[in-house]
Amino acid sequence: MKNLIMVFLLFLSFNFYAQNKSMQEVKNDAKDIFQIKVMEFNAKKYPVLLIDTLDATHYLYSFVQQNKLILDYLLQNQLAMNSDSLMKFVETENKLKEYFSNTIEKDTAFINTATTLIINYLLTHNISISNYIVSDKYEVSIDRIASIAARFFYPNKLVDNGKGISMKLCVGALSFKDYEGDRNFLEEAFAFSAVMSSAQSNEQELVEEYKKIAKDALHMNLSNNNDIKLNRIQGAIWALLSKNEKLIKQIKDKYNEHKNILPFTLLL
């Protein structure tokens, strides 16, 4: 009986330890999520940043599966990478991976963003973080998130003598090149996940809404100069999309999916 009690106590002790992580453990494990590989296109090598799916036994496996779009956006946009250095090391993959690892190590803003998401995820799964003080969530208006989300629909060129317009779903840089507000990469990543998950669905509701709005914007008498007209059409489309009911609903739905890991509360 005494031996059984000792075994039981040892089991409880191991289980308690398994359900606790240190901040350093989380930061170290966060780096495993982000990878770089060399891929070849048209006989030329390129470095490609990607999210590792992780082994199914990894304690962050489900976290990654549920938040790939958010994590990928952060990797592609927040991480401060030198593109010239990436291309310099592309012929020696080991050096490229070493440079990538060192870059993540030094980019405290990026790793802190990823760590915040992971910690919030772990806390909702009853895994505590030693010496971690939970911060209050800040508030963000749905109008701000919607205005960010709208910008991922990027009207990039007038066609047919200004009678039509082409669009691409942008992943960050172009959409915010002239953004006047304060940028928050995590808010952008969340907005991006809302837009892209809709675009990747069979219905593509938001893409269809964009087409309707773009058609209306083209009929506005904005300018005879195509460069000026394109710039004004972009602004008109983004303004109209940011008030679109289906975009607002998509943001609300995505917020309900991810609210446990996000550091902000969405004001509906």
Protein backbone atom coordinates (compact mmCIF):
# COMPACT_ATOMS: atom_id res chain seq x y z
CA MET A 1 0.00 0.00 0.00
CA LYS A 2 2.85 2.33 0.92
CA ASN A 3 4.50 1.65 -2.45
CA LEU A 4 1.26 2.43 -4.27
CA ILE A 5 0.99 5.76 -2.48
CA MET A 6 4.58 6.63 -3.43
CA VAL A 7 3.91 5.77 -7.09
CA PHE A 8 0.75 7.88 -7.04
CA LEU A 9 2.61 10.85 -5.53
CA LEU A 10 5.36 10.52 -8.13
CA PHE A 11 2.73 10.48 -10.88
CA LEU A 12 1.10 13.62 -9.48
CA SER A 13 4.48 15.33 -9.25
CA PHE A 14 5.36 14.44 -12.87
CA ASN A 15 1.93 15.51 -14.10
CA PHE A 16 2.22 18.84 -12.29
CA TYR A 17 5.63 19.45 -13.87
CA ALA A 18 4.34 18.47 -17.31
CA GLN A 19 1.56 21.04 -16.97
CA ASN A 20 3.98 23.90 -16.20
CA LYS A 21 6.39 25.74 -18.49
CA SER A 22 8.96 28.43 -17.94
CA MET A 23 9.06 31.57 -20.07
CA GLN A 24 12.40 30.49 -21.50
CA GLU A 25 10.98 27.09 -22.49
CA VAL A 26 8.12 28.76 -24.34
CA LYS A 27 10.44 31.20 -26.13
CA ASN A 28 12.77 28.40 -27.17
CA ASP A 29 9.91 26.22 -28.38
CA ALA A 30 8.33 29.14 -30.25
CA LYS A 31 11.38 29.20 -32.53
CA ASP A 32 10.62 25.62 -33.63
CA ILE A 33 7.45 26.85 -35.31
CA PHE A 34 9.28 29.07 -37.79
CA GLN A 35 11.44 27.53 -40.51
CA ILE A 36 13.35 28.49 -43.62
CA LYS A 37 14.03 26.29 -46.64
CA VAL A 38 15.69 26.66 -50.01
CA MET A 39 13.40 25.99 -52.94
CA GLU A 40 14.12 26.11 -56.65
CA PHE A 41 11.98 27.91 -59.24
CA ASN A 42 13.01 28.10 -62.89
CA ALA A 43 16.50 26.83 -62.08
CA LYS A 44 17.07 29.55 -59.47
CA LYS A 45 17.23 29.03 -55.70
CA TYR A 46 15.15 31.10 -53.30
CA PRO A 47 14.82 31.17 -49.51
CA VAL A 48 11.27 30.43 -48.39
CA LEU A 49 9.93 31.22 -44.92
CA LEU A 50 7.31 28.81 -43.65
CA ILE A 51 5.42 27.54 -40.63
CA ASP A 52 6.51 24.10 -39.47
CA THR A 53 3.55 21.81 -38.86
CA LEU A 54 5.46 20.16 -35.98
CA ASP A 55 5.13 16.56 -34.91
CA ALA A 56 1.66 15.56 -33.73
CA THR A 57 3.09 14.77 -30.28
CA HIS A 58 4.48 18.30 -29.82
CA TYR A 59 2.53 20.27 -27.19
CA LEU A 60 2.21 23.19 -29.64
CA TYR A 61 0.95 21.07 -32.54
CA SER A 62 -2.73 22.04 -32.10
CA PHE A 63 -1.79 25.68 -31.53
CA VAL A 64 0.00 25.79 -34.89
CA GLN A 65 -2.80 23.97 -36.72
CA GLN A 66 -5.40 26.41 -35.42
CA ASN A 67 -3.40 29.58 -36.08
CA LYS A 68 -1.33 29.02 -39.22
CA LEU A 69 -2.54 32.11 -41.05
CA ILE A 70 -1.81 34.38 -38.11
CA LEU A 71 1.63 32.88 -37.56
CA ASP A 72 2.52 32.99 -41.25
CA TYR A 73 1.58 36.66 -41.50
CA LEU A 74 3.77 37.51 -38.52
CA LEU A 75 6.67 35.56 -40.02
CA GLN A 76 6.39 37.23 -43.42
CA ASN A 77 5.81 40.76 -42.13
CA GLN A 78 7.02 41.36 -38.59
CA LEU A 79 10.30 39.45 -38.54
CA ALA A 80 13.09 41.86 -39.47
CA MET A 81 14.91 39.95 -42.20
CA ASN A 82 17.57 41.29 -44.54
CA SER A 83 16.62 40.00 -48.00
CA ASP A 84 20.14 40.58 -49.35
CA SER A 85 21.59 38.39 -46.59
CA LEU A 86 19.04 35.69 -47.31
CA MET A 87 20.08 35.55 -50.97
CA LYS A 88 23.76 35.62 -50.00
CA PHE A 89 23.37 32.42 -47.97
CA VAL A 90 20.97 30.66 -50.33
CA GLU A 91 23.71 28.41 -51.76
CA THR A 92 24.66 27.09 -48.32
CA GLU A 93 21.49 26.01 -46.55
CA ASN A 94 23.19 25.42 -43.18
CA LYS A 95 24.46 29.01 -43.09
CA LEU A 96 21.05 30.24 -44.19
CA LYS A 97 19.35 28.40 -41.32
CA GLU A 98 21.96 29.70 -38.88
CA TYR A 99 21.35 33.29 -40.06
CA PHE A 100 17.58 32.75 -39.80
CA SER A 101 17.88 31.34 -36.27
CA ASN A 102 20.10 34.24 -35.15
CA THR A 103 17.66 36.74 -36.65
CA ILE A 104 14.76 35.30 -34.66
CA GLU A 105 16.92 35.26 -31.52
CA LYS A 106 17.69 38.96 -31.87
CA ASP A 107 14.19 40.10 -32.88
CA THR A 108 12.64 40.46 -29.44
CA ALA A 109 9.49 42.18 -30.76
CA PHE A 110 8.73 39.27 -33.08
CA ILE A 111 9.44 36.52 -30.56
CA ASN A 112 7.46 38.39 -27.86
CA THR A 113 4.44 38.55 -30.18
CA ALA A 114 4.61 34.82 -30.87
CA THR A 115 5.21 34.05 -27.20
CA THR A 116 2.17 36.07 -26.15
CA LEU A 117 -0.07 34.01 -28.43
CA ILE A 118 1.44 30.74 -27.20
CA ILE A 119 1.14 31.65 -23.53
CA ASN A 120 -2.51 32.65 -23.92
CA TYR A 121 -3.12 29.33 -25.67
CA LEU A 122 -1.37 27.35 -22.91
CA LEU A 123 -3.25 29.16 -20.15
CA THR A 124 -6.59 28.21 -21.74
CA HIS A 125 -5.37 24.59 -21.61
CA ASN A 126 -4.51 24.80 -17.91
CA ILE A 127 -0.77 24.88 -18.49
CA SER A 128 0.71 27.56 -16.26
CA ILE A 129 3.82 29.62 -16.97
CA SER A 130 6.19 30.13 -14.07
CA ASN A 131 6.95 33.76 -13.16
CA TYR A 132 4.51 35.04 -15.76
CA ILE A 133 2.13 37.85 -14.88
CA VAL A 134 -1.01 37.88 -16.98
CA SER A 135 -1.61 41.30 -18.54
CA ASP A 136 -5.01 42.87 -19.02
CA LYS A 137 -6.26 42.78 -22.59
CA TYR A 138 -6.46 46.10 -24.38
CA GLU A 139 -9.47 47.14 -26.45
CA VAL A 140 -9.65 47.45 -30.22
CA SER A 141 -12.64 48.69 -32.19
CA ILE A 142 -14.08 46.50 -34.92
CA ASP A 143 -13.89 49.57 -37.20
CA ARG A 144 -10.08 49.55 -36.88
CA ILE A 145 -9.82 45.81 -37.65
CA ALA A 146 -12.24 46.15 -40.58
CA SER A 147 -10.24 49.05 -42.05
CA ILE A 148 -7.09 46.91 -41.81
CA ALA A 149 -8.83 43.84 -43.30
CA ALA A 150 -10.13 45.84 -46.27
CA ARG A 151 -6.59 46.73 -47.31
CA PHE A 152 -5.69 43.13 -48.06
CA PHE A 153 -7.90 43.48 -51.15
CA TYR A 154 -5.38 45.41 -53.21
CA PRO A 155 -6.63 47.00 -56.48
CA ASN A 156 -3.33 47.17 -58.32
CA LYS A 157 -4.06 48.09 -61.94
CA LEU A 158 -6.68 49.65 -64.20
CA VAL A 159 -7.40 47.62 -67.34
CA ASP A 160 -9.46 48.09 -70.52
CA ASN A 161 -8.69 51.81 -70.72
CA GLY A 162 -9.78 52.37 -67.13
CA LYS A 163 -13.07 50.48 -67.50
CA GLY A 164 -11.90 47.53 -65.40
CA ILE A 165 -9.61 46.92 -62.47
CA SER A 166 -7.44 43.97 -61.43
CA MET A 167 -6.99 42.99 -57.81
CA LYS A 168 -4.75 40.72 -55.81
CA LEU A 169 -5.01 39.53 -52.25
CA CYS A 170 -1.96 41.10 -50.68
CA VAL A 171 0.07 39.70 -47.78
CA GLY A 172 1.13 42.97 -46.19
CA ALA A 173 3.82 45.17 -47.71
CA LEU A 174 1.86 46.78 -50.55
CA SER A 175 -1.35 47.14 -48.58
CA PHE A 176 0.32 49.27 -45.91
CA LYS A 177 2.90 51.22 -47.89
CA ASP A 178 0.94 54.47 -47.39
CA TYR A 179 -0.89 53.56 -44.17
CA GLU A 180 -1.09 56.62 -41.94
CA GLY A 181 -2.09 55.00 -38.64
CA ASP A 182 0.08 53.16 -36.14
CA ARG A 183 0.75 49.63 -37.36
CA ASN A 184 0.20 46.65 -35.09
CA PHE A 185 1.39 43.41 -36.68
CA LEU A 186 -0.77 41.18 -34.50
CA GLU A 187 -3.93 43.12 -35.34
CA GLU A 188 -2.95 42.92 -39.01
CA ALA A 189 -2.29 39.18 -38.69
CA PHE A 190 -5.72 38.61 -37.18
CA ALA A 191 -7.41 40.70 -39.88
CA PHE A 192 -5.43 38.84 -42.55
CA SER A 193 -6.58 35.47 -41.18
CA ALA A 194 -10.21 36.62 -41.40
CA VAL A 195 -9.83 37.69 -45.04
CA MET A 196 -7.69 34.78 -46.21
CA SER A 197 -9.78 32.05 -44.57
CA SER A 198 -12.78 33.41 -46.48
CA ALA A 199 -10.79 33.62 -49.72
CA GLN A 200 -9.68 30.00 -49.30
CA SER A 201 -13.23 28.75 -48.75
CA ASN A 202 -15.46 27.40 -51.52
CA GLU A 203 -17.88 30.32 -51.28
CA GLN A 204 -15.26 33.11 -51.33
CA GLU A 205 -17.92 35.49 -50.01
CA LEU A 206 -15.57 38.40 -49.39
CA VAL A 207 -14.01 38.17 -52.85
CA GLU A 208 -17.50 38.38 -54.33
CA GLU A 209 -18.27 41.40 -52.14
CA TYR A 210 -15.08 43.05 -53.34
CA LYS A 211 -16.11 42.53 -56.98
CA LYS A 212 -19.45 44.26 -56.39
CA ILE A 213 -17.83 47.19 -54.61
CA ALA A 214 -15.08 47.53 -57.23
CA LYS A 215 -17.70 47.61 -59.99
CA ASP A 216 -19.51 50.47 -58.21
CA ALA A 217 -16.24 52.34 -57.59
CA LEU A 218 -15.32 52.17 -61.29
CA HIS A 219 -18.49 54.08 -62.15
CA MET A 220 -17.56 56.95 -59.84
CA ASN A 221 -16.28 60.04 -61.62
CA LEU A 222 -12.96 60.18 -59.77
CA SER A 223 -10.45 61.41 -62.38
CA ASN A 224 -9.52 61.27 -66.05
CA ASN A 225 -5.92 60.57 -65.08
CA ASN A 226 -5.54 56.80 -64.62
CA ASP A 227 -2.87 57.04 -61.89
CA ILE A 228 -4.98 59.42 -59.84
CA LYS A 229 -8.10 57.40 -60.60
CA LEU A 230 -6.47 54.16 -59.39
CA ASN A 231 -5.33 55.79 -56.16
CA ARG A 232 -8.80 57.19 -55.49
CA ILE A 233 -10.51 53.91 -56.38
CA GLN A 234 -8.29 52.12 -53.89
CA GLY A 235 -9.38 54.50 -51.16
CA ALA A 236 -13.06 54.23 -52.14
CA ILE A 237 -12.98 50.42 -52.22
CA TRP A 238 -11.24 50.17 -48.85
CA ALA A 239 -13.69 52.62 -47.27
CA LEU A 240 -16.73 50.75 -48.61
CA LEU A 241 -15.32 47.30 -47.79
CA SER A 242 -14.55 48.33 -44.20
CA LYS A 243 -18.28 48.91 -43.67
CA ASN A 244 -19.38 45.76 -45.49
CA GLU A 245 -21.70 43.58 -43.38
CA LYS A 246 -20.17 40.30 -44.56
CA LEU A 247 -16.64 41.47 -43.76
CA ILE A 248 -17.80 42.61 -40.31
CA LYS A 249 -19.47 39.24 -39.71
CA GLN A 250 -16.34 37.36 -40.83
CA ILE A 251 -14.22 39.39 -38.39
CA LYS A 252 -16.65 38.68 -35.55
CA ASP A 253 -16.67 34.95 -36.35
CA LYS A 254 -12.88 34.80 -36.50
CA TYR A 255 -12.58 36.75 -33.27
CA ASN A 256 -14.78 34.21 -31.51
CA GLU A 257 -12.47 31.47 -32.82
CA HIS A 258 -9.24 33.14 -31.70
CA LYS A 259 -10.21 35.42 -28.80
CA ASN A 260 -8.63 33.18 -26.16
CA ILE A 261 -5.14 33.68 -27.59
CA LEU A 262 -5.42 37.31 -28.69
CA PRO A 263 -4.08 40.03 -26.36
CA PHE A 264 -6.98 42.35 -27.20
CA THR A 265 -10.74 42.51 -26.77
CA LEU A 266 -12.70 43.38 -29.87
CA LEU A 267 -15.29 46.09 -29.26
CA LEU A 268 -18.30 45.01 -31.34
